[in-house]
Amino acid sequence: MEEEKIVYSRPQCSTHLSATEDALYVLGGRWTIRVMIAILGGHTRFNELQRTISGISARVLSSELKKLEMNHLIERTVLIDQKPVLVEYIPTEYSQSLKDVISALAEWGVKHKKKITAQ
């Protein structure tokens, strides 16, 4: 089965390039999508996220969480009635729009790995 080729006209190409640059600005960091996958998967506390995402430092995780909050993909919730005070990072309704993007990337990654390792 042949893959369908997508051909863009010049205006479409410019639009797609610009939109893709915007998306990569938000999601293009080494850790950003990994952090979102963990949060969308139900991991909400800082230490839990750090344990789930192997190799990420506390400083980098903190920075990524701030960036995701700034882009309205997560909400930082402080539970002051708890001892000790708990902080949770909750996915926003808007972040649900990333699920299809993440799934598509994962599917492509599986196919790509099979293609590369099959040679």
PDB file of N, CA and C in Angstrom:
ATOM      1  N   MET A   1       0.841  -1.183   0.000  1.00  0.00           N
ATOM      2  CA  MET A   1       0.000   0.000   0.000  1.00  0.00           C
ATOM      3  C   MET A   1       0.882   1.242   0.000  1.00  0.00           C
ATOM      4  N   GLU A   2       0.706   2.085  -0.994  1.00  0.00           N
ATOM      5  CA  GLU A   2       1.510   3.302  -1.099  1.00  0.00           C
ATOM      6  C   GLU A   2       0.984   4.379  -0.167  1.00  0.00           C
ATOM      7  N   GLU A   3       1.937   5.138   0.390  1.00  0.00           N
ATOM      8  CA  GLU A   3       1.535   6.258   1.237  1.00  0.00           C
ATOM      9  C   GLU A   3       1.109   7.410   0.361  1.00  0.00           C
ATOM     10  N   GLU A   4       0.088   8.110   0.819  1.00  0.00           N
ATOM     11  CA  GLU A   4      -0.416   9.267   0.084  1.00  0.00           C
ATOM     12  C   GLU A   4       0.534  10.433   0.276  1.00  0.00           C
ATOM     13  N   LYS A   5       0.921  11.085  -0.822  1.00  0.00           N
ATOM     14  CA  LYS A   5       1.814  12.229  -0.738  1.00  0.00           C
ATOM     15  C   LYS A   5       1.002  13.497  -0.552  1.00  0.00           C
ATOM     16  N   ILE A   6       1.478  14.322   0.345  1.00  0.00           N
ATOM     17  CA  ILE A   6       0.814  15.599   0.594  1.00  0.00           C
ATOM     18  C   ILE A   6       1.627  16.683  -0.095  1.00  0.00           C
ATOM     19  N   VAL A   7       0.959  17.464  -0.915  1.00  0.00           N
ATOM     20  CA  VAL A   7       1.615  18.564  -1.615  1.00  0.00           C
ATOM     21  C   VAL A   7       0.937  19.856  -1.176  1.00  0.00           C
ATOM     22  N   TYR A   8       1.745  20.809  -0.729  1.00  0.00           N
ATOM     23  CA  TYR A   8       1.215  22.084  -0.269  1.00  0.00           C
ATOM     24  C   TYR A   8       1.488  23.160  -1.313  1.00  0.00           C
ATOM     25  N   SER A   9       0.523  24.033  -1.497  1.00  0.00           N
ATOM     26  CA  SER A   9       0.759  25.209  -2.327  1.00  0.00           C
ATOM     27  C   SER A   9       1.644  26.165  -1.532  1.00  0.00           C
ATOM     28  N   ARG A  10       2.172  27.184  -2.177  1.00  0.00           N
ATOM     29  CA  ARG A  10       3.047  28.120  -1.471  1.00  0.00           C
ATOM     30  C   ARG A  10       2.383  28.779  -0.266  1.00  0.00           C
ATOM     31  N   PRO A  11       1.159  29.316  -0.401  1.00  0.00           N
ATOM     32  CA  PRO A  11       0.546  29.920   0.792  1.00  0.00           C
ATOM     33  C   PRO A  11       0.309  28.891   1.901  1.00  0.00           C
ATOM     34  N   GLN A  12      -0.105  27.671   1.528  1.00  0.00           N
ATOM     35  CA  GLN A  12      -0.317  26.624   2.524  1.00  0.00           C
ATOM     36  C   GLN A  12       0.993  26.275   3.210  1.00  0.00           C
ATOM     37  N   CYS A  13       2.049  26.181   2.448  1.00  0.00           N
ATOM     38  CA  CYS A  13       3.363  25.845   2.995  1.00  0.00           C
ATOM     39  C   CYS A  13       3.779  26.891   4.025  1.00  0.00           C
ATOM     40  N   SER A  14       3.635  28.158   3.689  1.00  0.00           N
ATOM     41  CA  SER A  14       3.998  29.236   4.620  1.00  0.00           C
ATOM     42  C   SER A  14       3.161  29.167   5.881  1.00  0.00           C
ATOM     43  N   THR A  15       1.874  28.909   5.716  1.00  0.00           N
ATOM     44  CA  THR A  15       0.971  28.802   6.865  1.00  0.00           C
ATOM     45  C   THR A  15       1.368  27.631   7.748  1.00  0.00           C
ATOM     46  N   HIS A  16       1.629  26.480   7.127  1.00  0.00           N
ATOM     47  CA  HIS A  16       2.012  25.300   7.893  1.00  0.00           C
ATOM     48  C   HIS A  16       3.364  25.493   8.584  1.00  0.00           C
ATOM     49  N   LEU A  17       4.304  26.117   7.914  1.00  0.00           N
ATOM     50  CA  LEU A  17       5.601  26.380   8.538  1.00  0.00           C
ATOM     51  C   LEU A  17       5.448  27.285   9.754  1.00  0.00           C
ATOM     52  N   SER A  18       4.678  28.331   9.608  1.00  0.00           N
ATOM     53  CA  SER A  18       4.467  29.266  10.713  1.00  0.00           C
ATOM     54  C   SER A  18       3.765  28.592  11.889  1.00  0.00           C
ATOM     55  N   ALA A  19       2.725  27.835  11.588  1.00  0.00           N
ATOM     56  CA  ALA A  19       1.975  27.145  12.646  1.00  0.00           C
ATOM     57  C   ALA A  19       2.838  26.096  13.334  1.00  0.00           C
ATOM     58  N   THR A  20       3.655  25.390  12.555  1.00  0.00           N
ATOM     59  CA  THR A  20       4.535  24.377  13.129  1.00  0.00           C
ATOM     60  C   THR A  20       5.594  25.020  14.009  1.00  0.00           C
ATOM     61  N   GLU A  21       6.131  26.152  13.580  1.00  0.00           N
ATOM     62  CA  GLU A  21       7.098  26.874  14.409  1.00  0.00           C
ATOM     63  C   GLU A  21       6.473  27.282  15.736  1.00  0.00           C
ATOM     64  N   ASP A  22       5.221  27.741  15.706  1.00  0.00           N
ATOM     65  CA  ASP A  22       4.523  28.107  16.940  1.00  0.00           C
ATOM     66  C   ASP A  22       4.378  26.900  17.863  1.00  0.00           C
ATOM     67  N   ALA A  23       3.980  25.759  17.291  1.00  0.00           N
ATOM     68  CA  ALA A  23       3.808  24.542  18.088  1.00  0.00           C
ATOM     69  C   ALA A  23       5.138  24.084  18.678  1.00  0.00           C
ATOM     70  N   LEU A  24       6.191  24.117  17.864  1.00  0.00           N
ATOM     71  CA  LEU A  24       7.499  23.681  18.350  1.00  0.00           C
ATOM     72  C   LEU A  24       8.066  24.633  19.394  1.00  0.00           C
ATOM     73  N   TYR A  25       7.693  25.897  19.323  1.00  0.00           N
ATOM     74  CA  TYR A  25       8.127  26.840  20.344  1.00  0.00           C
ATOM     75  C   TYR A  25       7.616  26.407  21.717  1.00  0.00           C
ATOM     76  N   VAL A  26       6.382  25.917  21.756  1.00  0.00           N
ATOM     77  CA  VAL A  26       5.779  25.487  23.016  1.00  0.00           C
ATOM     78  C   VAL A  26       6.213  24.070  23.384  1.00  0.00           C
ATOM     79  N   LEU A  27       6.249  23.165  22.426  1.00  0.00           N
ATOM     80  CA  LEU A  27       6.443  21.743  22.720  1.00  0.00           C
ATOM     81  C   LEU A  27       7.820  21.200  22.349  1.00  0.00           C
ATOM     82  N   GLY A  28       8.670  22.025  21.759  1.00  0.00           N
ATOM     83  CA  GLY A  28       9.897  21.521  21.168  1.00  0.00           C
ATOM     84  C   GLY A  28      11.042  21.229  22.101  1.00  0.00           C
ATOM     85  N   GLY A  29      10.931  21.518  23.362  1.00  0.00           N
ATOM     86  CA  GLY A  29      12.032  21.232  24.280  1.00  0.00           C
ATOM     87  C   GLY A  29      12.240  19.739  24.465  1.00  0.00           C
ATOM     88  N   ARG A  30      13.409  19.393  24.948  1.00  0.00           N
ATOM     89  CA  ARG A  30      13.741  17.979  25.153  1.00  0.00           C
ATOM     90  C   ARG A  30      12.768  17.281  26.093  1.00  0.00           C
ATOM     91  N   TRP A  31      12.271  17.997  27.106  1.00  0.00           N
ATOM     92  CA  TRP A  31      11.477  17.372  28.161  1.00  0.00           C
ATOM     93  C   TRP A  31       9.992  17.703  28.094  1.00  0.00           C
ATOM     94  N   THR A  32       9.599  18.690  27.339  1.00  0.00           N
ATOM     95  CA  THR A  32       8.237  19.218  27.400  1.00  0.00           C
ATOM     96  C   THR A  32       7.171  18.167  27.141  1.00  0.00           C
ATOM     97  N   ILE A  33       7.293  17.439  26.056  1.00  0.00           N
ATOM     98  CA  ILE A  33       6.266  16.438  25.734  1.00  0.00           C
ATOM     99  C   ILE A  33       6.287  15.315  26.764  1.00  0.00           C
ATOM    100  N   ARG A  34       7.469  14.942  27.238  1.00  0.00           N
ATOM    101  CA  ARG A  34       7.562  13.901  28.276  1.00  0.00           C
ATOM    102  C   ARG A  34       6.826  14.323  29.539  1.00  0.00           C
ATOM    103  N   VAL A  35       7.002  15.581  29.926  1.00  0.00           N
ATOM    104  CA  VAL A  35       6.311  16.083  31.121  1.00  0.00           C
ATOM    105  C   VAL A  35       4.800  16.066  30.887  1.00  0.00           C
ATOM    106  N   MET A  36       4.356  16.502  29.717  1.00  0.00           N
ATOM    107  CA  MET A  36       2.915  16.500  29.424  1.00  0.00           C
ATOM    108  C   MET A  36       2.354  15.074  29.421  1.00  0.00           C
ATOM    109  N   ILE A  37       3.099  14.125  28.858  1.00  0.00           N
ATOM    110  CA  ILE A  37       2.635  12.732  28.860  1.00  0.00           C
ATOM    111  C   ILE A  37       2.459  12.249  30.292  1.00  0.00           C
ATOM    112  N   ALA A  38       3.414  12.548  31.153  1.00  0.00           N
ATOM    113  CA  ALA A  38       3.327  12.127  32.551  1.00  0.00           C
ATOM    114  C   ALA A  38       2.132  12.778  33.247  1.00  0.00           C
ATOM    115  N   ILE A  39       1.924  14.063  33.015  1.00  0.00           N
ATOM    116  CA  ILE A  39       0.802  14.762  33.655  1.00  0.00           C
ATOM    117  C   ILE A  39      -0.528  14.248  33.118  1.00  0.00           C
ATOM    118  N   LEU A  40      -0.624  14.096  31.804  1.00  0.00           N
ATOM    119  CA  LEU A  40      -1.864  13.561  31.226  1.00  0.00           C
ATOM    120  C   LEU A  40      -2.102  12.117  31.668  1.00  0.00           C
ATOM    121  N   GLY A  41      -1.027  11.422  32.046  1.00  0.00           N
ATOM    122  CA  GLY A  41      -1.130  10.048  32.532  1.00  0.00           C
ATOM    123  C   GLY A  41      -1.496   9.952  33.998  1.00  0.00           C
ATOM    124  N   GLY A  42      -1.680  11.083  34.657  1.00  0.00           N
ATOM    125  CA  GLY A  42      -2.156  11.065  36.030  1.00  0.00           C
ATOM    126  C   GLY A  42      -1.128  11.377  37.092  1.00  0.00           C
ATOM    127  N   HIS A  43       0.108  11.635  36.718  1.00  0.00           N
ATOM    128  CA  HIS A  43       1.138  12.004  37.687  1.00  0.00           C
ATOM    129  C   HIS A  43       1.048  13.506  37.912  1.00  0.00           C
ATOM    130  N   THR A  44       0.768  13.906  39.146  1.00  0.00           N
ATOM    131  CA  THR A  44       0.462  15.323  39.375  1.00  0.00           C
ATOM    132  C   THR A  44       1.409  16.024  40.346  1.00  0.00           C
ATOM    133  N   ARG A  45       2.165  15.298  41.129  1.00  0.00           N
ATOM    134  CA  ARG A  45       3.040  15.943  42.114  1.00  0.00           C
ATOM    135  C   ARG A  45       4.476  15.988  41.609  1.00  0.00           C
ATOM    136  N   PHE A  46       5.197  16.988  42.058  1.00  0.00           N
ATOM    137  CA  PHE A  46       6.548  17.252  41.554  1.00  0.00           C
ATOM    138  C   PHE A  46       7.448  16.021  41.664  1.00  0.00           C
ATOM    139  N   ASN A  47       7.571  15.456  42.869  1.00  0.00           N
ATOM    140  CA  ASN A  47       8.462  14.307  43.059  1.00  0.00           C
ATOM    141  C   ASN A  47       8.005  13.104  42.247  1.00  0.00           C
ATOM    142  N   GLU A  48       6.716  12.932  42.132  1.00  0.00           N
ATOM    143  CA  GLU A  48       6.162  11.840  41.332  1.00  0.00           C
ATOM    144  C   GLU A  48       6.547  12.025  39.853  1.00  0.00           C
ATOM    145  N   LEU A  49       6.441  13.256  39.380  1.00  0.00           N
ATOM    146  CA  LEU A  49       6.840  13.554  37.997  1.00  0.00           C
ATOM    147  C   LEU A  49       8.327  13.297  37.798  1.00  0.00           C
ATOM    148  N   GLN A  50       9.139  13.730  38.751  1.00  0.00           N
ATOM    149  CA  GLN A  50      10.581  13.554  38.617  1.00  0.00           C
ATOM    150  C   GLN A  50      10.964  12.072  38.623  1.00  0.00           C
ATOM    151  N   ARG A  51      10.278  11.261  39.414  1.00  0.00           N
ATOM    152  CA  ARG A  51      10.552   9.820  39.421  1.00  0.00           C
ATOM    153  C   ARG A  51      10.096   9.165  38.121  1.00  0.00           C
ATOM    154  N   THR A  52       8.988   9.645  37.575  1.00  0.00           N
ATOM    155  CA  THR A  52       8.418   9.061  36.360  1.00  0.00           C
ATOM    156  C   THR A  52       9.266   9.366  35.133  1.00  0.00           C
ATOM    157  N   ILE A  53       9.802  10.575  35.062  1.00  0.00           N
ATOM    158  CA  ILE A  53      10.570  11.019  33.893  1.00  0.00           C
ATOM    159  C   ILE A  53      12.047  10.846  34.218  1.00  0.00           C
ATOM    160  N   SER A  54      12.589   9.713  33.871  1.00  0.00           N
ATOM    161  CA  SER A  54      13.980   9.430  34.245  1.00  0.00           C
ATOM    162  C   SER A  54      14.938  10.390  33.553  1.00  0.00           C
ATOM    163  N   GLY A  55      15.890  10.887  34.353  1.00  0.00           N
ATOM    164  CA  GLY A  55      16.931  11.747  33.820  1.00  0.00           C
ATOM    165  C   GLY A  55      16.679  13.235  33.928  1.00  0.00           C
ATOM    166  N   ILE A  56      15.476  13.648  34.305  1.00  0.00           N
ATOM    167  CA  ILE A  56      15.180  15.080  34.394  1.00  0.00           C
ATOM    168  C   ILE A  56      15.590  15.598  35.775  1.00  0.00           C
ATOM    169  N   SER A  57      16.256  16.736  35.781  1.00  0.00           N
ATOM    170  CA  SER A  57      16.658  17.332  37.060  1.00  0.00           C
ATOM    171  C   SER A  57      15.500  18.150  37.636  1.00  0.00           C
ATOM    172  N   ALA A  58      15.583  18.423  38.917  1.00  0.00           N
ATOM    173  CA  ALA A  58      14.541  19.213  39.582  1.00  0.00           C
ATOM    174  C   ALA A  58      14.458  20.608  38.973  1.00  0.00           C
ATOM    175  N   ARG A  59      15.611  21.202  38.670  1.00  0.00           N
ATOM    176  CA  ARG A  59      15.627  22.552  38.091  1.00  0.00           C
ATOM    177  C   ARG A  59      14.951  22.582  36.728  1.00  0.00           C
ATOM    178  N   VAL A  60      15.256  21.596  35.892  1.00  0.00           N
ATOM    179  CA  VAL A  60      14.669  21.543  34.551  1.00  0.00           C
ATOM    180  C   VAL A  60      13.174  21.251  34.650  1.00  0.00           C
ATOM    181  N   LEU A  61      12.777  20.329  35.518  1.00  0.00           N
ATOM    182  CA  LEU A  61      11.362  20.025  35.691  1.00  0.00           C
ATOM    183  C   LEU A  61      10.601  21.267  36.143  1.00  0.00           C
ATOM    184  N   SER A  62      11.151  21.982  37.081  1.00  0.00           N
ATOM    185  CA  SER A  62      10.514  23.211  37.558  1.00  0.00           C
ATOM    186  C   SER A  62      10.330  24.208  36.420  1.00  0.00           C
ATOM    187  N   SER A  63      11.360  24.364  35.620  1.00  0.00           N
ATOM    188  CA  SER A  63      11.296  25.276  34.474  1.00  0.00           C
ATOM    189  C   SER A  63      10.232  24.834  33.467  1.00  0.00           C
ATOM    190  N   GLU A  64      10.188  23.536  33.164  1.00  0.00           N
ATOM    191  CA  GLU A  64       9.195  23.007  32.223  1.00  0.00           C
ATOM    192  C   GLU A  64       7.778  23.220  32.750  1.00  0.00           C
ATOM    193  N   LEU A  65       7.571  22.987  34.034  1.00  0.00           N
ATOM    194  CA  LEU A  65       6.239  23.167  34.620  1.00  0.00           C
ATOM    195  C   LEU A  65       5.797  24.628  34.534  1.00  0.00           C
ATOM    196  N   LYS A  66       6.714  25.549  34.771  1.00  0.00           N
ATOM    197  CA  LYS A  66       6.386  26.975  34.650  1.00  0.00           C
ATOM    198  C   LYS A  66       6.004  27.318  33.214  1.00  0.00           C
ATOM    199  N   LYS A  67       6.754  26.786  32.258  1.00  0.00           N
ATOM    200  CA  LYS A  67       6.482  27.044  30.845  1.00  0.00           C
ATOM    201  C   LYS A  67       5.114  26.476  30.448  1.00  0.00           C
ATOM    202  N   LEU A  68       4.811  25.273  30.906  1.00  0.00           N
ATOM    203  CA  LEU A  68       3.516  24.656  30.586  1.00  0.00           C
ATOM    204  C   LEU A  68       2.362  25.427  31.222  1.00  0.00           C
ATOM    205  N   GLU A  69       2.586  25.928  32.423  1.00  0.00           N
ATOM    206  CA  GLU A  69       1.555  26.737  33.086  1.00  0.00           C
ATOM    207  C   GLU A  69       1.347  28.050  32.327  1.00  0.00           C
ATOM    208  N   MET A  70       2.420  28.666  31.897  1.00  0.00           N
ATOM    209  CA  MET A  70       2.344  29.919  31.152  1.00  0.00           C
ATOM    210  C   MET A  70       1.572  29.737  29.837  1.00  0.00           C
ATOM    211  N   ASN A  71       1.677  28.541  29.251  1.00  0.00           N
ATOM    212  CA  ASN A  71       0.995  28.249  27.995  1.00  0.00           C
ATOM    213  C   ASN A  71      -0.381  27.610  28.199  1.00  0.00           C
ATOM    214  N   HIS A  72      -0.883  27.666  29.419  1.00  0.00           N
ATOM    215  CA  HIS A  72      -2.234  27.215  29.764  1.00  0.00           C
ATOM    216  C   HIS A  72      -2.466  25.716  29.539  1.00  0.00           C
ATOM    217  N   LEU A  73      -1.396  24.932  29.644  1.00  0.00           N
ATOM    218  CA  LEU A  73      -1.531  23.486  29.466  1.00  0.00           C
ATOM    219  C   LEU A  73      -1.680  22.766  30.803  1.00  0.00           C
ATOM    220  N   ILE A  74      -1.224  23.402  31.884  1.00  0.00           N
ATOM    221  CA  ILE A  74      -1.413  22.850  33.226  1.00  0.00           C
ATOM    222  C   ILE A  74      -1.791  23.974  34.179  1.00  0.00           C
ATOM    223  N   GLU A  75      -2.360  23.573  35.310  1.00  0.00           N
ATOM    224  CA  GLU A  75      -2.635  24.517  36.395  1.00  0.00           C
ATOM    225  C   GLU A  75      -1.903  24.041  37.626  1.00  0.00           C
ATOM    226  N   ARG A  76      -1.267  24.967  38.307  1.00  0.00           N
ATOM    227  CA  ARG A  76      -0.580  24.667  39.569  1.00  0.00           C
ATOM    228  C   ARG A  76      -1.570  24.898  40.699  1.00  0.00           C
ATOM    229  N   THR A  77      -1.829  23.862  41.469  1.00  0.00           N
ATOM    230  CA  THR A  77      -2.785  23.938  42.564  1.00  0.00           C
ATOM    231  C   THR A  77      -2.061  23.684  43.876  1.00  0.00           C
ATOM    232  N   VAL A  78      -2.204  24.610  44.816  1.00  0.00           N
ATOM    233  CA  VAL A  78      -1.585  24.464  46.130  1.00  0.00           C
ATOM    234  C   VAL A  78      -2.669  24.063  47.120  1.00  0.00           C
ATOM    235  N   LEU A  79      -2.455  22.925  47.761  1.00  0.00           N
ATOM    236  CA  LEU A  79      -3.415  22.419  48.752  1.00  0.00           C
ATOM    237  C   LEU A  79      -2.905  22.805  50.133  1.00  0.00           C
ATOM    238  N   ILE A  80      -3.385  23.966  50.641  1.00  0.00           N
ATOM    239  CA  ILE A  80      -2.858  24.499  51.903  1.00  0.00           C
ATOM    240  C   ILE A  80      -3.467  23.833  53.126  1.00  0.00           C
ATOM    241  N   ASP A  81      -4.571  23.120  52.941  1.00  0.00           N
ATOM    242  CA  ASP A  81      -5.187  22.452  54.079  1.00  0.00           C
ATOM    243  C   ASP A  81      -4.502  21.119  54.406  1.00  0.00           C
ATOM    244  N   GLN A  82      -3.485  20.770  53.649  1.00  0.00           N
ATOM    245  CA  GLN A  82      -2.708  19.549  53.870  1.00  0.00           C
ATOM    246  C   GLN A  82      -1.454  19.878  54.686  1.00  0.00           C
ATOM    247  N   LYS A  83      -1.000  18.927  55.460  1.00  0.00           N
ATOM    248  CA  LYS A  83       0.273  19.064  56.178  1.00  0.00           C
ATOM    249  C   LYS A  83       1.167  17.939  55.735  1.00  0.00           C
ATOM    250  N   PRO A  84       2.289  18.164  55.104  1.00  0.00           N
ATOM    251  CA  PRO A  84       2.764  19.458  54.627  1.00  0.00           C
ATOM    252  C   PRO A  84       1.935  19.932  53.433  1.00  0.00           C
ATOM    253  N   VAL A  85       2.093  21.191  53.088  1.00  0.00           N
ATOM    254  CA  VAL A  85       1.378  21.780  51.962  1.00  0.00           C
ATOM    255  C   VAL A  85       1.739  20.999  50.701  1.00  0.00           C
ATOM    256  N   LEU A  86       0.729  20.633  49.917  1.00  0.00           N
ATOM    257  CA  LEU A  86       0.949  19.875  48.684  1.00  0.00           C
ATOM    258  C   LEU A  86       0.724  20.758  47.468  1.00  0.00           C
ATOM    259  N   VAL A  87       1.536  20.543  46.445  1.00  0.00           N
ATOM    260  CA  VAL A  87       1.380  21.239  45.177  1.00  0.00           C
ATOM    261  C   VAL A  87       1.117  20.187  44.115  1.00  0.00           C
ATOM    262  N   GLU A  88       0.064  20.395  43.341  1.00  0.00           N
ATOM    263  CA  GLU A  88      -0.270  19.482  42.254  1.00  0.00           C
ATOM    264  C   GLU A  88      -0.294  20.251  40.937  1.00  0.00           C
ATOM    265  N   TYR A  89       0.057  19.554  39.887  1.00  0.00           N
ATOM    266  CA  TYR A  89       0.028  20.116  38.539  1.00  0.00           C
ATOM    267  C   TYR A  89      -1.044  19.354  37.771  1.00  0.00           C
ATOM    268  N   ILE A  90      -2.126  20.046  37.473  1.00  0.00           N
ATOM    269  CA  ILE A  90      -3.309  19.431  36.887  1.00  0.00           C
ATOM    270  C   ILE A  90      -3.405  19.830  35.414  1.00  0.00           C
ATOM    271  N   PRO A  91      -3.666  18.856  34.528  1.00  0.00           N
ATOM    272  CA  PRO A  91      -3.841  19.224  33.119  1.00  0.00           C
ATOM    273  C   PRO A  91      -5.108  20.058  32.938  1.00  0.00           C
ATOM    274  N   THR A  92      -5.027  21.065  32.101  1.00  0.00           N
ATOM    275  CA  THR A  92      -6.196  21.891  31.816  1.00  0.00           C
ATOM    276  C   THR A  92      -7.045  21.203  30.744  1.00  0.00           C
ATOM    277  N   GLU A  93      -8.242  21.703  30.578  1.00  0.00           N
ATOM    278  CA  GLU A  93      -9.097  21.185  29.504  1.00  0.00           C
ATOM    279  C   GLU A  93      -8.419  21.401  28.154  1.00  0.00           C
ATOM    280  N   TYR A  94      -7.760  22.536  28.008  1.00  0.00           N
ATOM    281  CA  TYR A  94      -7.049  22.863  26.771  1.00  0.00           C
ATOM    282  C   TYR A  94      -5.959  21.832  26.461  1.00  0.00           C
ATOM    283  N   SER A  95      -5.302  21.311  27.491  1.00  0.00           N
ATOM    284  CA  SER A  95      -4.221  20.348  27.267  1.00  0.00           C
ATOM    285  C   SER A  95      -4.718  19.044  26.649  1.00  0.00           C
ATOM    286  N   GLN A  96      -6.009  18.777  26.770  1.00  0.00           N
ATOM    287  CA  GLN A  96      -6.566  17.563  26.167  1.00  0.00           C
ATOM    288  C   GLN A  96      -6.394  17.580  24.646  1.00  0.00           C
ATOM    289  N   SER A  97      -6.263  18.788  24.076  1.00  0.00           N
ATOM    290  CA  SER A  97      -6.073  18.901  22.625  1.00  0.00           C
ATOM    291  C   SER A  97      -4.719  18.328  22.185  1.00  0.00           C
ATOM    292  N   LEU A  98      -3.814  18.095  23.113  1.00  0.00           N
ATOM    293  CA  LEU A  98      -2.510  17.521  22.790  1.00  0.00           C
ATOM    294  C   LEU A  98      -2.547  16.002  22.671  1.00  0.00           C
ATOM    295  N   LYS A  99      -3.592  15.378  23.182  1.00  0.00           N
ATOM    296  CA  LYS A  99      -3.628  13.910  23.196  1.00  0.00           C
ATOM    297  C   LYS A  99      -3.476  13.318  21.798  1.00  0.00           C
ATOM    298  N   ASP A 100      -4.166  13.876  20.813  1.00  0.00           N
ATOM    299  CA  ASP A 100      -4.063  13.358  19.443  1.00  0.00           C
ATOM    300  C   ASP A 100      -2.666  13.589  18.868  1.00  0.00           C
ATOM    301  N   VAL A 101      -2.076  14.730  19.182  1.00  0.00           N
ATOM    302  CA  VAL A 101      -0.733  15.042  18.705  1.00  0.00           C
ATOM    303  C   VAL A 101       0.268  14.047  19.303  1.00  0.00           C
ATOM    304  N   ILE A 102       0.174  13.825  20.599  1.00  0.00           N
ATOM    305  CA  ILE A 102       1.081  12.905  21.284  1.00  0.00           C
ATOM    306  C   ILE A 102       0.887  11.477  20.772  1.00  0.00           C
ATOM    307  N   SER A 103      -0.362  11.076  20.578  1.00  0.00           N
ATOM    308  CA  SER A 103      -0.633   9.731  20.043  1.00  0.00           C
ATOM    309  C   SER A 103      -0.045   9.566  18.644  1.00  0.00           C
ATOM    310  N   ALA A 104      -0.212  10.582  17.806  1.00  0.00           N
ATOM    311  CA  ALA A 104       0.330  10.521  16.448  1.00  0.00           C
ATOM    312  C   ALA A 104       1.858  10.420  16.471  1.00  0.00           C
ATOM    313  N   LEU A 105       2.501  11.183  17.356  1.00  0.00           N
ATOM    314  CA  LEU A 105       3.957  11.110  17.482  1.00  0.00           C
ATOM    315  C   LEU A 105       4.397   9.730  17.957  1.00  0.00           C
ATOM    316  N   ALA A 106       3.687   9.183  18.924  1.00  0.00           N
ATOM    317  CA  ALA A 106       4.033   7.854  19.443  1.00  0.00           C
ATOM    318  C   ALA A 106       3.871   6.787  18.370  1.00  0.00           C
ATOM    319  N   GLU A 107       2.776   6.845  17.624  1.00  0.00           N
ATOM    320  CA  GLU A 107       2.549   5.869  16.547  1.00  0.00           C
ATOM    321  C   GLU A 107       3.648   5.975  15.499  1.00  0.00           C
ATOM    322  N   TRP A 108       3.993   7.205  15.119  1.00  0.00           N
ATOM    323  CA  TRP A 108       5.053   7.395  14.143  1.00  0.00           C
ATOM    324  C   TRP A 108       6.375   6.867  14.693  1.00  0.00           C
ATOM    325  N   GLY A 109       6.636   7.117  15.972  1.00  0.00           N
ATOM    326  CA  GLY A 109       7.873   6.644  16.595  1.00  0.00           C
ATOM    327  C   GLY A 109       8.002   5.130  16.559  1.00  0.00           C
ATOM    328  N   VAL A 110       6.907   4.428  16.815  1.00  0.00           N
ATOM    329  CA  VAL A 110       6.908   2.962  16.760  1.00  0.00           C
ATOM    330  C   VAL A 110       7.215   2.496  15.342  1.00  0.00           C
ATOM    331  N   LYS A 111       6.535   3.079  14.352  1.00  0.00           N
ATOM    332  CA  LYS A 111       6.750   2.697  12.953  1.00  0.00           C
ATOM    333  C   LYS A 111       8.185   3.005  12.518  1.00  0.00           C
ATOM    334  N   HIS A 112       8.677   4.157  12.918  1.00  0.00           N
ATOM    335  CA  HIS A 112      10.031   4.562  12.539  1.00  0.00           C
ATOM    336  C   HIS A 112      11.070   3.608  13.137  1.00  0.00           C
ATOM    337  N   LYS A 113      10.893   3.280  14.387  1.00  0.00           N
ATOM    338  CA  LYS A 113      11.843   2.372  15.041  1.00  0.00           C
ATOM    339  C   LYS A 113      11.868   1.007  14.338  1.00  0.00           C
ATOM    340  N   LYS A 114      10.676   0.508  13.972  1.00  0.00           N
ATOM    341  CA  LYS A 114      10.596  -0.775  13.247  1.00  0.00           C
ATOM    342  C   LYS A 114      11.321  -0.673  11.915  1.00  0.00           C
ATOM    343  N   LYS A 115      11.101   0.432  11.208  1.00  0.00           N
ATOM    344  CA  LYS A 115      11.729   0.612   9.889  1.00  0.00           C
ATOM    345  C   LYS A 115      13.243   0.666  10.006  1.00  0.00           C
ATOM    346  N   ILE A 116      13.741   1.406  10.975  1.00  0.00           N
ATOM    347  CA  ILE A 116      15.180   1.573  11.140  1.00  0.00           C
ATOM    348  C   ILE A 116      15.838   0.289  11.631  1.00  0.00           C
ATOM    349  N   THR A 117      15.211  -0.415  12.568  1.00  0.00           N
ATOM    350  CA  THR A 117      15.815  -1.620  13.123  1.00  0.00           C
ATOM    351  C   THR A 117      15.645  -2.830  12.218  1.00  0.00           C
ATOM    352  N   ALA A 118      14.748  -2.755  11.250  1.00  0.00           N
ATOM    353  CA  ALA A 118      14.507  -3.881  10.332  1.00  0.00           C
ATOM    354  C   ALA A 118      15.599  -4.007   9.282  1.00  0.00           C
ATOM    355  N   GLN A 119      16.395  -2.992   9.106  1.00  0.00           N
ATOM    356  CA  GLN A 119      17.431  -3.003   8.044  1.00  0.00           C
ATOM    357  C   GLN A 119      18.656  -3.765   8.436  1.00  0.00           C
TER     358      GLN A 119
END
